Amino acid sequence: TLAPYKSHWADVQGKMVAVVNLRPFDYKNNLLVTVPDFVSIFTPGLPLMEATDLIQDVLKIEMFSGNKGHQKVLKQKGKCEIYDPVPLILAQDILSCMPQIQYLVDTMKNKQLQQSQQLQSAPQQQQHFQQQHHQQQLQSAPRQHFQQPRQLLQQPRQHFQQ
C-alpha cells in the first residue's frame, strides 16, 4: 500500500534533494524541502539563521510547518533534529528564486571572505606597527640612554666641587 506522504529524492536545480510531497499521493508535483536541507545544499557555509532570514525576509519565500502526515515522515527520516516541527519550503520556490539565491549567497560569501582576510591581516598590520614603533624607540633610546649617565656623572662632580 502507498502512504499518503513519502520522503524521496528529487532533482532540484541539478542537485539531489530529499523531498516530501505536499498533497497526499501526489509524489511528483508540489514537493517540499526542509529548510535545513535547503541551507546545507544550496547555501553551504551560510549559518542556518542567516539563511532562514534570507528565505523569509529577502526572498519572501513562504515557509510551511506541514501537517501531521508530513511531520511523521520527516521524523522517521531524522529531519526534525534541529527544528520540531521542521520548516518546509516548496521546491518550485527554490527554482524560481535560484538566480537571486545564488547572487545573495555569492555576495554573503564575498563579505565573509573580506572579513576573514581583514581579521587575518589585522594581526600582521598590528605586528608591523609594533615593529615600527619598537624601531623608533630603539632609535631614540640610545640618545636617552647616553643622556642619563652624563647627567649622573655631572651631578657627582657638582657635589664634590661644593
C-alpha atoms as a PDB file:
ATOM      1  CA  THR A   1       0.000   0.000   0.000  1.00  0.00           C
ATOM      2  CA  LEU A   2       1.112   3.520  -0.698  1.00  0.00           C
ATOM      3  CA  ALA A   3       1.448   6.065   2.072  1.00  0.00           C
ATOM      4  CA  PRO A   4      -0.181   9.443   1.530  1.00  0.00           C
ATOM      5  CA  TYR A   5       3.131  11.216   2.240  1.00  0.00           C
ATOM      6  CA  LYS A   6       6.505   9.901   1.236  1.00  0.00           C
ATOM      7  CA  SER A   7      10.063  11.134   1.529  1.00  0.00           C
ATOM      8  CA  HIS A   8      12.073  10.565  -1.630  1.00  0.00           C
ATOM      9  CA  TRP A   9      14.844  12.102  -3.701  1.00  0.00           C
ATOM     10  CA  ALA A  10      14.205  14.642  -6.432  1.00  0.00           C
ATOM     11  CA  ASP A  11      16.407  16.641  -8.762  1.00  0.00           C
ATOM     12  CA  VAL A  12      16.143  20.306  -7.797  1.00  0.00           C
ATOM     13  CA  GLN A  13      18.331  22.617  -9.888  1.00  0.00           C
ATOM     14  CA  GLY A  14      20.694  19.742 -10.707  1.00  0.00           C
ATOM     15  CA  LYS A  15      21.076  18.630  -7.085  1.00  0.00           C
ATOM     16  CA  MET A  16      19.526  15.581  -5.464  1.00  0.00           C
ATOM     17  CA  VAL A  17      17.405  16.748  -2.558  1.00  0.00           C
ATOM     18  CA  ALA A  18      15.270  14.837  -0.047  1.00  0.00           C
ATOM     19  CA  VAL A  19      11.672  15.964  -0.523  1.00  0.00           C
ATOM     20  CA  VAL A  20       8.222  15.122   0.770  1.00  0.00           C
ATOM     21  CA  ASN A  21       5.047  15.545  -1.250  1.00  0.00           C
ATOM     22  CA  LEU A  22       2.719  18.430  -0.361  1.00  0.00           C
ATOM     23  CA  ARG A  23      -0.517  16.701  -1.341  1.00  0.00           C
ATOM     24  CA  PRO A  24      -1.412  13.112  -0.434  1.00  0.00           C
ATOM     25  CA  PHE A  25      -0.402  10.526  -3.054  1.00  0.00           C
ATOM     26  CA  ASP A  26       0.988  13.190  -5.460  1.00  0.00           C
ATOM     27  CA  TYR A  27       4.686  12.335  -5.417  1.00  0.00           C
ATOM     28  CA  LYS A  28       5.748  14.401  -8.467  1.00  0.00           C
ATOM     29  CA  ASN A  29       4.231  17.874  -8.052  1.00  0.00           C
ATOM     30  CA  ASN A  30       4.470  20.428  -5.249  1.00  0.00           C
ATOM     31  CA  LEU A  31       7.415  18.896  -3.419  1.00  0.00           C
ATOM     32  CA  LEU A  32       8.587  20.253  -0.073  1.00  0.00           C
ATOM     33  CA  VAL A  33      12.202  20.624   1.052  1.00  0.00           C
ATOM     34  CA  THR A  34      13.223  21.085   4.678  1.00  0.00           C
ATOM     35  CA  VAL A  35      14.897  24.413   5.413  1.00  0.00           C
ATOM     36  CA  PRO A  36      17.989  22.728   6.941  1.00  0.00           C
ATOM     37  CA  ASP A  37      18.356  20.601   3.778  1.00  0.00           C
ATOM     38  CA  PHE A  38      17.945  23.699   1.608  1.00  0.00           C
ATOM     39  CA  VAL A  39      20.636  25.502   3.593  1.00  0.00           C
ATOM     40  CA  SER A  40      23.117  22.610   3.518  1.00  0.00           C
ATOM     41  CA  ILE A  41      22.639  22.011  -0.225  1.00  0.00           C
ATOM     42  CA  PHE A  42      22.045  25.446  -1.748  1.00  0.00           C
ATOM     43  CA  THR A  43      23.758  27.801   0.715  1.00  0.00           C
ATOM     44  CA  PRO A  44      26.620  25.755   2.201  1.00  0.00           C
ATOM     45  CA  GLY A  45      28.668  27.588   4.772  1.00  0.00           C
ATOM     46  CA  LEU A  46      25.908  30.078   5.471  1.00  0.00           C
ATOM     47  CA  PRO A  47      24.673  29.899   9.077  1.00  0.00           C
ATOM     48  CA  LEU A  48      21.174  28.460   9.370  1.00  0.00           C
ATOM     49  CA  MET A  49      19.683  31.576  10.947  1.00  0.00           C
ATOM     50  CA  GLU A  50      21.121  33.858   8.235  1.00  0.00           C
ATOM     51  CA  ALA A  51      19.783  31.530   5.548  1.00  0.00           C
ATOM     52  CA  THR A  52      16.368  31.490   7.239  1.00  0.00           C
ATOM     53  CA  ASP A  53      16.363  35.308   7.228  1.00  0.00           C
ATOM     54  CA  LEU A  54      17.366  35.223   3.567  1.00  0.00           C
ATOM     55  CA  ILE A  55      14.456  32.880   2.737  1.00  0.00           C
ATOM     56  CA  GLN A  56      11.795  34.803   4.662  1.00  0.00           C
ATOM     57  CA  ASP A  57      12.850  38.447   4.631  1.00  0.00           C
ATOM     58  CA  VAL A  58      14.773  38.867   1.388  1.00  0.00           C
ATOM     59  CA  LEU A  59      13.369  36.262  -0.991  1.00  0.00           C
ATOM     60  CA  LYS A  60       9.884  36.305   0.576  1.00  0.00           C
ATOM     61  CA  ILE A  61       9.593  32.529   0.211  1.00  0.00           C
ATOM     62  CA  GLU A  62       6.689  31.121   2.189  1.00  0.00           C
ATOM     63  CA  MET A  63       7.564  28.526   4.822  1.00  0.00           C
ATOM     64  CA  PHE A  64       5.289  25.676   5.837  1.00  0.00           C
ATOM     65  CA  SER A  65       5.201  23.618   9.005  1.00  0.00           C
ATOM     66  CA  GLY A  66       3.439  20.727   7.305  1.00  0.00           C
ATOM     67  CA  ASN A  67       0.660  18.588   8.689  1.00  0.00           C
ATOM     68  CA  LYS A  68       0.884  15.549  10.964  1.00  0.00           C
ATOM     69  CA  GLY A  69       1.488  13.269   7.972  1.00  0.00           C
ATOM     70  CA  HIS A  70       4.418  15.399   6.752  1.00  0.00           C
ATOM     71  CA  GLN A  71       5.956  15.634  10.198  1.00  0.00           C
ATOM     72  CA  LYS A  72       5.602  11.878  10.813  1.00  0.00           C
ATOM     73  CA  VAL A  73       7.512  11.081   7.597  1.00  0.00           C
ATOM     74  CA  LEU A  74      10.139  13.735   8.349  1.00  0.00           C
ATOM     75  CA  LYS A  75      10.664  12.444  11.885  1.00  0.00           C
ATOM     76  CA  GLN A  76      11.101   8.904  10.567  1.00  0.00           C
ATOM     77  CA  LYS A  77      13.803  10.210   8.204  1.00  0.00           C
ATOM     78  CA  GLY A  78      15.568  12.114  11.012  1.00  0.00           C
ATOM     79  CA  LYS A  79      14.754  15.538   9.570  1.00  0.00           C
ATOM     80  CA  CYS A  80      13.393  17.012  12.826  1.00  0.00           C
ATOM     81  CA  GLU A  81      16.654  17.088  14.770  1.00  0.00           C
ATOM     82  CA  ILE A  82      17.162  20.867  14.540  1.00  0.00           C
ATOM     83  CA  TYR A  83      13.528  22.012  14.422  1.00  0.00           C
ATOM     84  CA  ASP A  84      10.404  20.195  15.518  1.00  0.00           C
ATOM     85  CA  PRO A  85       8.296  20.806  13.541  1.00  0.00           C
ATOM     86  CA  VAL A  86      10.822  21.359  10.781  1.00  0.00           C
ATOM     87  CA  PRO A  87      10.069  24.299   8.445  1.00  0.00           C
ATOM     88  CA  LEU A  88       9.466  23.408   4.806  1.00  0.00           C
ATOM     89  CA  ILE A  89       9.642  25.324   1.522  1.00  0.00           C
ATOM     90  CA  LEU A  90       8.340  24.410  -1.912  1.00  0.00           C
ATOM     91  CA  ALA A  91      10.963  23.121  -4.342  1.00  0.00           C
ATOM     92  CA  GLN A  92       9.354  25.223  -7.076  1.00  0.00           C
ATOM     93  CA  ASP A  93      10.014  28.369  -4.986  1.00  0.00           C
ATOM     94  CA  ILE A  94      13.690  27.411  -4.859  1.00  0.00           C
ATOM     95  CA  LEU A  95      13.724  27.017  -8.640  1.00  0.00           C
ATOM     96  CA  SER A  96      12.004  30.342  -9.264  1.00  0.00           C
ATOM     97  CA  CYS A  97      14.363  32.219  -6.920  1.00  0.00           C
ATOM     98  CA  MET A  98      17.589  30.419  -7.847  1.00  0.00           C
ATOM     99  CA  PRO A  99      19.290  33.392  -9.581  1.00  0.00           C
ATOM    100  CA  GLN A 100      18.590  35.631  -6.566  1.00  0.00           C
ATOM    101  CA  ILE A 101      19.656  32.888  -4.150  1.00  0.00           C
ATOM    102  CA  GLN A 102      22.945  32.406  -6.000  1.00  0.00           C
ATOM    103  CA  TYR A 103      23.605  36.159  -6.144  1.00  0.00           C
ATOM    104  CA  LEU A 104      22.860  36.657  -2.436  1.00  0.00           C
ATOM    105  CA  VAL A 105      24.913  33.633  -1.406  1.00  0.00           C
ATOM    106  CA  ASP A 106      27.872  34.833  -3.503  1.00  0.00           C
ATOM    107  CA  THR A 107      27.548  38.316  -2.005  1.00  0.00           C
ATOM    108  CA  MET A 108      27.449  36.943   1.548  1.00  0.00           C
ATOM    109  CA  LYS A 109      30.404  34.635   0.895  1.00  0.00           C
ATOM    110  CA  ASN A 110      32.438  37.521  -0.541  1.00  0.00           C
ATOM    111  CA  LYS A 111      31.611  39.628   2.512  1.00  0.00           C
ATOM    112  CA  GLN A 112      32.656  36.774   4.829  1.00  0.00           C
ATOM    113  CA  LEU A 113      35.860  36.299   2.816  1.00  0.00           C
ATOM    114  CA  GLN A 114      36.691  40.006   3.075  1.00  0.00           C
ATOM    115  CA  GLN A 115      36.036  39.957   6.821  1.00  0.00           C
ATOM    116  CA  SER A 116      38.199  36.873   7.187  1.00  0.00           C
ATOM    117  CA  GLN A 117      41.014  38.480   5.219  1.00  0.00           C
ATOM    118  CA  GLN A 118      40.747  41.629   7.333  1.00  0.00           C
ATOM    119  CA  LEU A 119      40.920  39.570  10.505  1.00  0.00           C
ATOM    120  CA  GLN A 120      43.944  37.689   9.188  1.00  0.00           C
ATOM    121  CA  SER A 121      45.697  40.861   8.082  1.00  0.00           C
ATOM    122  CA  ALA A 122      44.908  42.745  11.297  1.00  0.00           C
ATOM    123  CA  PRO A 123      47.488  40.842  13.393  1.00  0.00           C
ATOM    124  CA  GLN A 124      50.058  41.336  10.635  1.00  0.00           C
ATOM    125  CA  GLN A 125      49.297  45.054  10.494  1.00  0.00           C
ATOM    126  CA  GLN A 126      49.455  45.262  14.279  1.00  0.00           C
ATOM    127  CA  GLN A 127      52.742  43.366  14.301  1.00  0.00           C
ATOM    128  CA  HIS A 128      54.122  45.686  11.587  1.00  0.00           C
ATOM    129  CA  PHE A 129      53.011  48.735  13.607  1.00  0.00           C
ATOM    130  CA  GLN A 130      54.584  47.291  16.766  1.00  0.00           C
ATOM    131  CA  GLN A 131      57.836  46.630  14.910  1.00  0.00           C
ATOM    132  CA  GLN A 132      57.876  50.184  13.548  1.00  0.00           C
ATOM    133  CA  HIS A 133      57.123  51.596  16.996  1.00  0.00           C
ATOM    134  CA  HIS A 134      59.817  49.421  18.552  1.00  0.00           C
ATOM    135  CA  GLN A 135      62.361  50.552  15.931  1.00  0.00           C
ATOM    136  CA  GLN A 136      61.501  54.178  16.651  1.00  0.00           C
ATOM    137  CA  GLN A 137      62.005  53.545  20.344  1.00  0.00           C
ATOM    138  CA  LEU A 138      65.344  51.883  19.664  1.00  0.00           C
ATOM    139  CA  GLN A 139      66.479  54.791  17.509  1.00  0.00           C
ATOM    140  CA  SER A 140      65.610  57.323  20.176  1.00  0.00           C
ATOM    141  CA  ALA A 141      66.593  55.095  23.097  1.00  0.00           C
ATOM    142  CA  PRO A 142      70.384  55.364  22.687  1.00  0.00           C
ATOM    143  CA  ARG A 143      70.217  59.147  22.977  1.00  0.00           C
ATOM    144  CA  GLN A 144      68.116  58.881  26.116  1.00  0.00           C
ATOM    145  CA  HIS A 145      70.397  56.192  27.458  1.00  0.00           C
ATOM    146  CA  PHE A 146      73.531  58.271  26.957  1.00  0.00           C
ATOM    147  CA  GLN A 147      71.979  61.470  28.255  1.00  0.00           C
ATOM    148  CA  GLN A 148      71.078  59.957  31.584  1.00  0.00           C
ATOM    149  CA  PRO A 149      74.597  58.786  32.513  1.00  0.00           C
ATOM    150  CA  ARG A 150      76.019  62.206  31.559  1.00  0.00           C
ATOM    151  CA  GLN A 151      73.604  63.834  33.958  1.00  0.00           C
ATOM    152  CA  LEU A 152      74.572  61.344  36.642  1.00  0.00           C
ATOM    153  CA  LEU A 153      78.246  61.980  36.015  1.00  0.00           C
ATOM    154  CA  GLN A 154      77.762  65.732  36.167  1.00  0.00           C
ATOM    155  CA  GLN A 155      75.876  65.550  39.454  1.00  0.00           C
ATOM    156  CA  PRO A 156      78.704  63.944  41.469  1.00  0.00           C
ATOM    157  CA  ARG A 157      81.186  66.477  40.117  1.00  0.00           C
ATOM    158  CA  GLN A 158      78.958  69.252  41.304  1.00  0.00           C
ATOM    159  CA  HIS A 159      78.645  67.521  44.620  1.00  0.00           C
ATOM    160  CA  PHE A 160      82.410  67.194  45.005  1.00  0.00           C
ATOM    161  CA  GLN A 161      83.013  70.766  43.980  1.00  0.00           C
ATOM    162  CA  GLN A 162      80.903  72.059  46.799  1.00  0.00           C
END
